[in-house]
Amino acid sequence: MTTTIDAAGRIVIPKNFRDEMGLSAGTKIEVEMIDGNLRIIPKSIGTLEQRGRFTVIVMPPGTPMLQHDVVDQVLNDLREGRLR
């Protein structure tokens, strides 16, 4: 996909990429150069909110939902690591 750098040095990240990464206006990003390539990493993927007695992470709009099988696998991996 091709985009253009404007006179101020800004680039437009295509909407489908922004949506997939959960990026929106005001999102802080980290920009790195690795082997001559730019890498863009969201600085903060969510914000912490107090909901009753719980602190939860609220993800930006457009962030894909976690799938139950992925969460289950991560929890299983963590449990197995604690038992070893």
PDB file of N, CA and C in Angstrom:
ATOM      1  N   MET A   1       0.849  -1.165   0.000  1.00  0.00           N
ATOM      2  CA  MET A   1       0.000   0.000   0.000  1.00  0.00           C
ATOM      3  C   MET A   1       0.904   1.239   0.000  1.00  0.00           C
ATOM      4  N   THR A   2       0.552   2.233  -0.775  1.00  0.00           N
ATOM      5  CA  THR A   2       1.353   3.447  -0.896  1.00  0.00           C
ATOM      6  C   THR A   2       0.639   4.605  -0.228  1.00  0.00           C
ATOM      7  N   THR A   3       1.395   5.428   0.488  1.00  0.00           N
ATOM      8  CA  THR A   3       0.867   6.649   1.095  1.00  0.00           C
ATOM      9  C   THR A   3       1.890   7.746   0.844  1.00  0.00           C
ATOM     10  N   THR A   4       1.593   8.971   1.241  1.00  0.00           N
ATOM     11  CA  THR A   4       2.455  10.113   0.946  1.00  0.00           C
ATOM     12  C   THR A   4       2.866  10.816   2.232  1.00  0.00           C
ATOM     13  N   ILE A   5       4.086  11.332   2.242  1.00  0.00           N
ATOM     14  CA  ILE A   5       4.567  12.160   3.346  1.00  0.00           C
ATOM     15  C   ILE A   5       4.260  13.605   2.974  1.00  0.00           C
ATOM     16  N   ASP A   6       3.604  14.357   3.883  1.00  0.00           N
ATOM     17  CA  ASP A   6       3.304  15.758   3.572  1.00  0.00           C
ATOM     18  C   ASP A   6       4.485  16.657   3.926  1.00  0.00           C
ATOM     19  N   ALA A   7       4.347  17.958   3.676  1.00  0.00           N
ATOM     20  CA  ALA A   7       5.438  18.920   3.893  1.00  0.00           C
ATOM     21  C   ALA A   7       5.889  18.976   5.348  1.00  0.00           C
ATOM     22  N   ALA A   8       4.991  18.636   6.277  1.00  0.00           N
ATOM     23  CA  ALA A   8       5.334  18.656   7.699  1.00  0.00           C
ATOM     24  C   ALA A   8       5.957  17.334   8.158  1.00  0.00           C
ATOM     25  N   GLY A   9       6.113  16.372   7.239  1.00  0.00           N
ATOM     26  CA  GLY A   9       6.718  15.095   7.591  1.00  0.00           C
ATOM     27  C   GLY A   9       5.723  14.069   8.100  1.00  0.00           C
ATOM     28  N   ARG A  10       4.437  14.359   7.988  1.00  0.00           N
ATOM     29  CA  ARG A  10       3.406  13.435   8.476  1.00  0.00           C
ATOM     30  C   ARG A  10       3.046  12.427   7.397  1.00  0.00           C
ATOM     31  N   ILE A  11       2.703  11.228   7.858  1.00  0.00           N
ATOM     32  CA  ILE A  11       2.204  10.220   6.933  1.00  0.00           C
ATOM     33  C   ILE A  11       0.802   9.816   7.372  1.00  0.00           C
ATOM     34  N   VAL A  12       0.025   9.376   6.419  1.00  0.00           N
ATOM     35  CA  VAL A  12      -1.308   8.875   6.730  1.00  0.00           C
ATOM     36  C   VAL A  12      -1.208   7.360   6.847  1.00  0.00           C
ATOM     37  N   ILE A  13      -1.630   6.833   7.986  1.00  0.00           N
ATOM     38  CA  ILE A  13      -1.711   5.387   8.158  1.00  0.00           C
ATOM     39  C   ILE A  13      -3.088   4.986   7.638  1.00  0.00           C
ATOM     40  N   PRO A  14      -3.145   4.105   6.656  1.00  0.00           N
ATOM     41  CA  PRO A  14      -4.438   3.734   6.085  1.00  0.00           C
ATOM     42  C   PRO A  14      -5.434   3.271   7.153  1.00  0.00           C
ATOM     43  N   LYS A  15      -6.705   3.601   6.936  1.00  0.00           N
ATOM     44  CA  LYS A  15      -7.755   3.339   7.913  1.00  0.00           C
ATOM     45  C   LYS A  15      -7.823   1.874   8.324  1.00  0.00           C
ATOM     46  N   ASN A  16      -7.710   0.953   7.372  1.00  0.00           N
ATOM     47  CA  ASN A  16      -7.807  -0.463   7.755  1.00  0.00           C
ATOM     48  C   ASN A  16      -6.678  -0.856   8.705  1.00  0.00           C
ATOM     49  N   PHE A  17      -5.483  -0.273   8.549  1.00  0.00           N
ATOM     50  CA  PHE A  17      -4.378  -0.533   9.482  1.00  0.00           C
ATOM     51  C   PHE A  17      -4.685   0.073  10.849  1.00  0.00           C
ATOM     52  N   ARG A  18      -5.174   1.334  10.852  1.00  0.00           N
ATOM     53  CA  ARG A  18      -5.515   1.989  12.131  1.00  0.00           C
ATOM     54  C   ARG A  18      -6.574   1.196  12.875  1.00  0.00           C
ATOM     55  N   ASP A  19      -7.584   0.742  12.157  1.00  0.00           N
ATOM     56  CA  ASP A  19      -8.650  -0.037  12.784  1.00  0.00           C
ATOM     57  C   ASP A  19      -8.104  -1.339  13.368  1.00  0.00           C
ATOM     58  N   GLU A  20      -7.275  -2.025  12.607  1.00  0.00           N
ATOM     59  CA  GLU A  20      -6.722  -3.302  13.058  1.00  0.00           C
ATOM     60  C   GLU A  20      -5.830  -3.133  14.291  1.00  0.00           C
ATOM     61  N   MET A  21      -5.105  -2.001  14.358  1.00  0.00           N
ATOM     62  CA  MET A  21      -4.203  -1.752  15.489  1.00  0.00           C
ATOM     63  C   MET A  21      -4.887  -1.044  16.643  1.00  0.00           C
ATOM     64  N   GLY A  22      -6.142  -0.622  16.446  1.00  0.00           N
ATOM     65  CA  GLY A  22      -6.855   0.108  17.495  1.00  0.00           C
ATOM     66  C   GLY A  22      -6.341   1.522  17.674  1.00  0.00           C
ATOM     67  N   LEU A  23      -5.834   2.129  16.603  1.00  0.00           N
ATOM     68  CA  LEU A  23      -5.307   3.494  16.667  1.00  0.00           C
ATOM     69  C   LEU A  23      -6.415   4.489  16.346  1.00  0.00           C
ATOM     70  N   SER A  24      -6.443   5.587  17.079  1.00  0.00           N
ATOM     71  CA  SER A  24      -7.383   6.666  16.795  1.00  0.00           C
ATOM     72  C   SER A  24      -6.671   7.982  17.071  1.00  0.00           C
ATOM     73  N   ALA A  25      -7.323   9.088  16.714  1.00  0.00           N
ATOM     74  CA  ALA A  25      -6.715  10.399  16.923  1.00  0.00           C
ATOM     75  C   ALA A  25      -6.288  10.548  18.385  1.00  0.00           C
ATOM     76  N   GLY A  26      -5.071  10.990  18.598  1.00  0.00           N
ATOM     77  CA  GLY A  26      -4.558  11.197  19.951  1.00  0.00           C
ATOM     78  C   GLY A  26      -3.834  10.000  20.547  1.00  0.00           C
ATOM     79  N   THR A  27      -3.873   8.846  19.873  1.00  0.00           N
ATOM     80  CA  THR A  27      -3.165   7.671  20.378  1.00  0.00           C
ATOM     81  C   THR A  27      -1.661   7.931  20.349  1.00  0.00           C
ATOM     82  N   LYS A  28      -1.000   7.690  21.463  1.00  0.00           N
ATOM     83  CA  LYS A  28       0.458   7.817  21.523  1.00  0.00           C
ATOM     84  C   LYS A  28       1.075   6.588  20.880  1.00  0.00           C
ATOM     85  N   ILE A  29       2.107   6.811  20.065  1.00  0.00           N
ATOM     86  CA  ILE A  29       2.781   5.699  19.405  1.00  0.00           C
ATOM     87  C   ILE A  29       4.286   5.806  19.612  1.00  0.00           C
ATOM     88  N   GLU A  30       4.931   4.679  19.562  1.00  0.00           N
ATOM     89  CA  GLU A  30       6.388   4.590  19.597  1.00  0.00           C
ATOM     90  C   GLU A  30       6.824   4.308  18.165  1.00  0.00           C
ATOM     91  N   VAL A  31       7.805   5.054  17.661  1.00  0.00           N
ATOM     92  CA  VAL A  31       8.316   4.834  16.311  1.00  0.00           C
ATOM     93  C   VAL A  31       9.780   4.433  16.429  1.00  0.00           C
ATOM     94  N   GLU A  32      10.123   3.284  15.833  1.00  0.00           N
ATOM     95  CA  GLU A  32      11.490   2.781  15.867  1.00  0.00           C
ATOM     96  C   GLU A  32      11.965   2.553  14.436  1.00  0.00           C
ATOM     97  N   MET A  33      13.268   2.638  14.245  1.00  0.00           N
ATOM     98  CA  MET A  33      13.826   2.249  12.964  1.00  0.00           C
ATOM     99  C   MET A  33      14.659   0.998  13.200  1.00  0.00           C
ATOM    100  N   ILE A  34      14.296  -0.068  12.494  1.00  0.00           N
ATOM    101  CA  ILE A  34      14.984  -1.340  12.619  1.00  0.00           C
ATOM    102  C   ILE A  34      15.412  -1.770  11.221  1.00  0.00           C
ATOM    103  N   ASP A  35      16.708  -1.869  11.021  1.00  0.00           N
ATOM    104  CA  ASP A  35      17.261  -2.262   9.714  1.00  0.00           C
ATOM    105  C   ASP A  35      16.696  -1.410   8.578  1.00  0.00           C
ATOM    106  N   GLY A  36      16.577  -0.112   8.810  1.00  0.00           N
ATOM    107  CA  GLY A  36      16.105   0.799   7.779  1.00  0.00           C
ATOM    108  C   GLY A  36      14.603   0.820   7.572  1.00  0.00           C
ATOM    109  N   ASN A  37      13.851   0.102   8.401  1.00  0.00           N
ATOM    110  CA  ASN A  37      12.393   0.075   8.308  1.00  0.00           C
ATOM    111  C   ASN A  37      11.782   0.729   9.533  1.00  0.00           C
ATOM    112  N   LEU A  38      10.683   1.454   9.339  1.00  0.00           N
ATOM    113  CA  LEU A  38       9.979   2.059  10.460  1.00  0.00           C
ATOM    114  C   LEU A  38       9.030   1.054  11.078  1.00  0.00           C
ATOM    115  N   ARG A  39       8.979   1.058  12.398  1.00  0.00           N
ATOM    116  CA  ARG A  39       8.058   0.196  13.133  1.00  0.00           C
ATOM    117  C   ARG A  39       7.229   1.106  14.029  1.00  0.00           C
ATOM    118  N   ILE A  40       5.907   0.974  13.971  1.00  0.00           N
ATOM    119  CA  ILE A  40       4.990   1.795  14.759  1.00  0.00           C
ATOM    120  C   ILE A  40       4.317   0.900  15.792  1.00  0.00           C
ATOM    121  N   ILE A  41       4.451   1.288  17.063  1.00  0.00           N
ATOM    122  CA  ILE A  41       3.906   0.493  18.160  1.00  0.00           C
ATOM    123  C   ILE A  41       3.033   1.404  19.014  1.00  0.00           C
ATOM    124  N   PRO A  42       1.760   1.034  19.248  1.00  0.00           N
ATOM    125  CA  PRO A  42       0.938   1.850  20.148  1.00  0.00           C
ATOM    126  C   PRO A  42       1.601   1.929  21.515  1.00  0.00           C
ATOM    127  N   LYS A  43       1.757   3.137  22.041  1.00  0.00           N
ATOM    128  CA  LYS A  43       2.422   3.343  23.329  1.00  0.00           C
ATOM    129  C   LYS A  43       1.564   2.812  24.468  1.00  0.00           C
ATOM    130  N   SER A  44       0.296   3.077  24.409  1.00  0.00           N
ATOM    131  CA  SER A  44      -0.613   2.604  25.438  1.00  0.00           C
ATOM    132  C   SER A  44      -1.796   1.953  24.742  1.00  0.00           C
ATOM    133  N   ILE A  45      -1.992   0.679  25.009  1.00  0.00           N
ATOM    134  CA  ILE A  45      -3.064   0.000  24.305  1.00  0.00           C
ATOM    135  C   ILE A  45      -4.412   0.175  24.996  1.00  0.00           C
ATOM    136  N   GLY A  46      -4.430   0.738  26.163  1.00  0.00           N
ATOM    137  CA  GLY A  46      -5.687   0.951  26.867  1.00  0.00           C
ATOM    138  C   GLY A  46      -5.491   1.905  28.016  1.00  0.00           C
ATOM    139  N   THR A  47      -6.596   2.292  28.606  1.00  0.00           N
ATOM    140  CA  THR A  47      -6.529   3.164  29.775  1.00  0.00           C
ATOM    141  C   THR A  47      -7.126   2.430  30.964  1.00  0.00           C
ATOM    142  N   LEU A  48      -6.604   2.719  32.134  1.00  0.00           N
ATOM    143  CA  LEU A  48      -7.122   2.090  33.347  1.00  0.00           C
ATOM    144  C   LEU A  48      -8.295   2.891  33.875  1.00  0.00           C
ATOM    145  N   GLU A  49      -9.354   2.184  34.262  1.00  0.00           N
ATOM    146  CA  GLU A  49     -10.546   2.812  34.838  1.00  0.00           C
ATOM    147  C   GLU A  49     -10.935   2.061  36.086  1.00  0.00           C
ATOM    148  N   GLN A  50     -11.392   2.797  37.081  1.00  0.00           N
ATOM    149  CA  GLN A  50     -11.893   2.175  38.301  1.00  0.00           C
ATOM    150  C   GLN A  50     -13.385   1.925  38.123  1.00  0.00           C
ATOM    151  N   ARG A  51     -13.792   0.677  38.250  1.00  0.00           N
ATOM    152  CA  ARG A  51     -15.213   0.312  38.164  1.00  0.00           C
ATOM    153  C   ARG A  51     -15.565  -0.434  39.437  1.00  0.00           C
ATOM    154  N   GLY A  52     -16.174   0.314  40.353  1.00  0.00           N
ATOM    155  CA  GLY A  52     -16.446  -0.275  41.660  1.00  0.00           C
ATOM    156  C   GLY A  52     -15.133  -0.556  42.354  1.00  0.00           C
ATOM    157  N   ARG A  53     -14.954  -1.781  42.814  1.00  0.00           N
ATOM    158  CA  ARG A  53     -13.695  -2.133  43.483  1.00  0.00           C
ATOM    159  C   ARG A  53     -12.662  -2.709  42.537  1.00  0.00           C
ATOM    160  N   PHE A  54     -12.991  -2.756  41.241  1.00  0.00           N
ATOM    161  CA  PHE A  54     -12.084  -3.323  40.255  1.00  0.00           C
ATOM    162  C   PHE A  54     -11.459  -2.244  39.385  1.00  0.00           C
ATOM    163  N   THR A  55     -10.192  -2.454  39.024  1.00  0.00           N
ATOM    164  CA  THR A  55      -9.530  -1.619  38.030  1.00  0.00           C
ATOM    165  C   THR A  55      -9.506  -2.432  36.745  1.00  0.00           C
ATOM    166  N   VAL A  56     -10.010  -1.822  35.663  1.00  0.00           N
ATOM    167  CA  VAL A  56     -10.089  -2.536  34.392  1.00  0.00           C
ATOM    168  C   VAL A  56      -9.365  -1.735  33.316  1.00  0.00           C
ATOM    169  N   ILE A  57      -8.924  -2.426  32.270  1.00  0.00           N
ATOM    170  CA  ILE A  57      -8.328  -1.765  31.110  1.00  0.00           C
ATOM    171  C   ILE A  57      -9.432  -1.561  30.088  1.00  0.00           C
ATOM    172  N   VAL A  58      -9.590  -0.317  29.639  1.00  0.00           N
ATOM    173  CA  VAL A  58     -10.567   0.005  28.610  1.00  0.00           C
ATOM    174  C   VAL A  58      -9.797   0.225  27.318  1.00  0.00           C
ATOM    175  N   MET A  59     -10.118  -0.571  26.324  1.00  0.00           N
ATOM    176  CA  MET A  59      -9.416  -0.515  25.052  1.00  0.00           C
ATOM    177  C   MET A  59     -10.020   0.568  24.161  1.00  0.00           C
ATOM    178  N   PRO A  60      -9.199   1.150  23.261  1.00  0.00           N
ATOM    179  CA  PRO A  60      -9.719   2.167  22.367  1.00  0.00           C
ATOM    180  C   PRO A  60     -10.736   1.578  21.389  1.00  0.00           C
ATOM    181  N   PRO A  61     -11.639   2.422  20.861  1.00  0.00           N
ATOM    182  CA  PRO A  61     -12.610   1.931  19.882  1.00  0.00           C
ATOM    183  C   PRO A  61     -11.895   1.288  18.699  1.00  0.00           C
ATOM    184  N   GLY A  62     -12.478   0.221  18.196  1.00  0.00           N
ATOM    185  CA  GLY A  62     -11.908  -0.466  17.048  1.00  0.00           C
ATOM    186  C   GLY A  62     -10.942  -1.579  17.410  1.00  0.00           C
ATOM    187  N   THR A  63     -10.623  -1.711  18.708  1.00  0.00           N
ATOM    188  CA  THR A  63      -9.727  -2.778  19.126  1.00  0.00           C
ATOM    189  C   THR A  63     -10.447  -4.114  18.990  1.00  0.00           C
ATOM    190  N   PRO A  64      -9.842  -5.087  18.308  1.00  0.00           N
ATOM    191  CA  PRO A  64     -10.508  -6.388  18.154  1.00  0.00           C
ATOM    192  C   PRO A  64     -10.730  -7.050  19.508  1.00  0.00           C
ATOM    193  N   MET A  65     -11.837  -7.750  19.641  1.00  0.00           N
ATOM    194  CA  MET A  65     -12.151  -8.464  20.880  1.00  0.00           C
ATOM    195  C   MET A  65     -11.234  -9.676  21.013  1.00  0.00           C
ATOM    196  N   LEU A  66     -10.860  -9.999  22.247  1.00  0.00           N
ATOM    197  CA  LEU A  66     -10.092 -11.215  22.500  1.00  0.00           C
ATOM    198  C   LEU A  66     -11.007 -12.417  22.304  1.00  0.00           C
ATOM    199  N   GLN A  67     -10.481 -13.448  21.708  1.00  0.00           N
ATOM    200  CA  GLN A  67     -11.240 -14.676  21.517  1.00  0.00           C
ATOM    201  C   GLN A  67     -11.066 -15.560  22.743  1.00  0.00           C
ATOM    202  N   HIS A  68     -12.136 -16.260  23.139  1.00  0.00           N
ATOM    203  CA  HIS A  68     -12.101 -17.087  24.346  1.00  0.00           C
ATOM    204  C   HIS A  68     -10.997 -18.138  24.295  1.00  0.00           C
ATOM    205  N   ASP A  69     -10.777 -18.746  23.126  1.00  0.00           N
ATOM    206  CA  ASP A  69      -9.756 -19.795  23.047  1.00  0.00           C
ATOM    207  C   ASP A  69      -8.361 -19.233  23.269  1.00  0.00           C
ATOM    208  N   VAL A  70      -8.118 -17.989  22.840  1.00  0.00           N
ATOM    209  CA  VAL A  70      -6.809 -17.347  23.048  1.00  0.00           C
ATOM    210  C   VAL A  70      -6.607 -17.072  24.537  1.00  0.00           C
ATOM    211  N   VAL A  71      -7.640 -16.529  25.201  1.00  0.00           N
ATOM    212  CA  VAL A  71      -7.552 -16.244  26.639  1.00  0.00           C
ATOM    213  C   VAL A  71      -7.324 -17.540  27.408  1.00  0.00           C
ATOM    214  N   ASP A  72      -8.085 -18.588  27.072  1.00  0.00           N
ATOM    215  CA  ASP A  72      -7.919 -19.874  27.754  1.00  0.00           C
ATOM    216  C   ASP A  72      -6.502 -20.420  27.594  1.00  0.00           C
ATOM    217  N   GLN A  73      -5.950 -20.294  26.395  1.00  0.00           N
ATOM    218  CA  GLN A  73      -4.598 -20.798  26.153  1.00  0.00           C
ATOM    219  C   GLN A  73      -3.565 -20.031  26.977  1.00  0.00           C
ATOM    220  N   VAL A  74      -3.697 -18.707  27.038  1.00  0.00           N
ATOM    221  CA  VAL A  74      -2.765 -17.898  27.828  1.00  0.00           C
ATOM    222  C   VAL A  74      -2.868 -18.264  29.301  1.00  0.00           C
ATOM    223  N   LEU A  75      -4.094 -18.400  29.804  1.00  0.00           N
ATOM    224  CA  LEU A  75      -4.267 -18.781  31.208  1.00  0.00           C
ATOM    225  C   LEU A  75      -3.655 -20.152  31.487  1.00  0.00           C
ATOM    226  N   ASN A  76      -3.868 -21.101  30.605  1.00  0.00           N
ATOM    227  CA  ASN A  76      -3.274 -22.431  30.777  1.00  0.00           C
ATOM    228  C   ASN A  76      -1.752 -22.370  30.770  1.00  0.00           C
ATOM    229  N   ASP A  77      -1.188 -21.580  29.856  1.00  0.00           N
ATOM    230  CA  ASP A  77       0.264 -21.431  29.796  1.00  0.00           C
ATOM    231  C   ASP A  77       0.790 -20.828  31.098  1.00  0.00           C
ATOM    232  N   LEU A  78       0.100 -19.832  31.621  1.00  0.00           N
ATOM    233  CA  LEU A  78       0.523 -19.203  32.874  1.00  0.00           C
ATOM    234  C   LEU A  78       0.456 -20.197  34.033  1.00  0.00           C
ATOM    235  N   ARG A  79      -0.638 -20.946  34.101  1.00  0.00           N
ATOM    236  CA  ARG A  79      -0.791 -21.933  35.179  1.00  0.00           C
ATOM    237  C   ARG A  79       0.299 -22.998  35.128  1.00  0.00           C
ATOM    238  N   GLU A  80       0.591 -23.477  33.936  1.00  0.00           N
ATOM    239  CA  GLU A  80       1.628 -24.497  33.791  1.00  0.00           C
ATOM    240  C   GLU A  80       2.998 -23.943  34.200  1.00  0.00           C
ATOM    241  N   GLY A  81       3.249 -22.698  33.880  1.00  0.00           N
ATOM    242  CA  GLY A  81       4.509 -22.078  34.252  1.00  0.00           C
ATOM    243  C   GLY A  81       4.659 -21.929  35.752  1.00  0.00           C
ATOM    244  N   ARG A  82       3.552 -21.709  36.452  1.00  0.00           N
ATOM    245  CA  ARG A  82       3.590 -21.560  37.906  1.00  0.00           C
ATOM    246  C   ARG A  82       3.795 -22.907  38.611  1.00  0.00           C
ATOM    247  N   LEU A  83       3.346 -23.963  37.961  1.00  0.00           N
ATOM    248  CA  LEU A  83       3.451 -25.281  38.581  1.00  0.00           C
ATOM    249  C   LEU A  83       4.822 -25.899  38.430  1.00  0.00           C
ATOM    250  N   ARG A  84       5.617 -25.413  37.518  1.00  0.00           N
ATOM    251  CA  ARG A  84       6.942 -26.000  37.276  1.00  0.00           C
ATOM    252  C   ARG A  84       7.974 -25.538  38.257  1.00  0.00           C
TER     253      ARG A  84
END
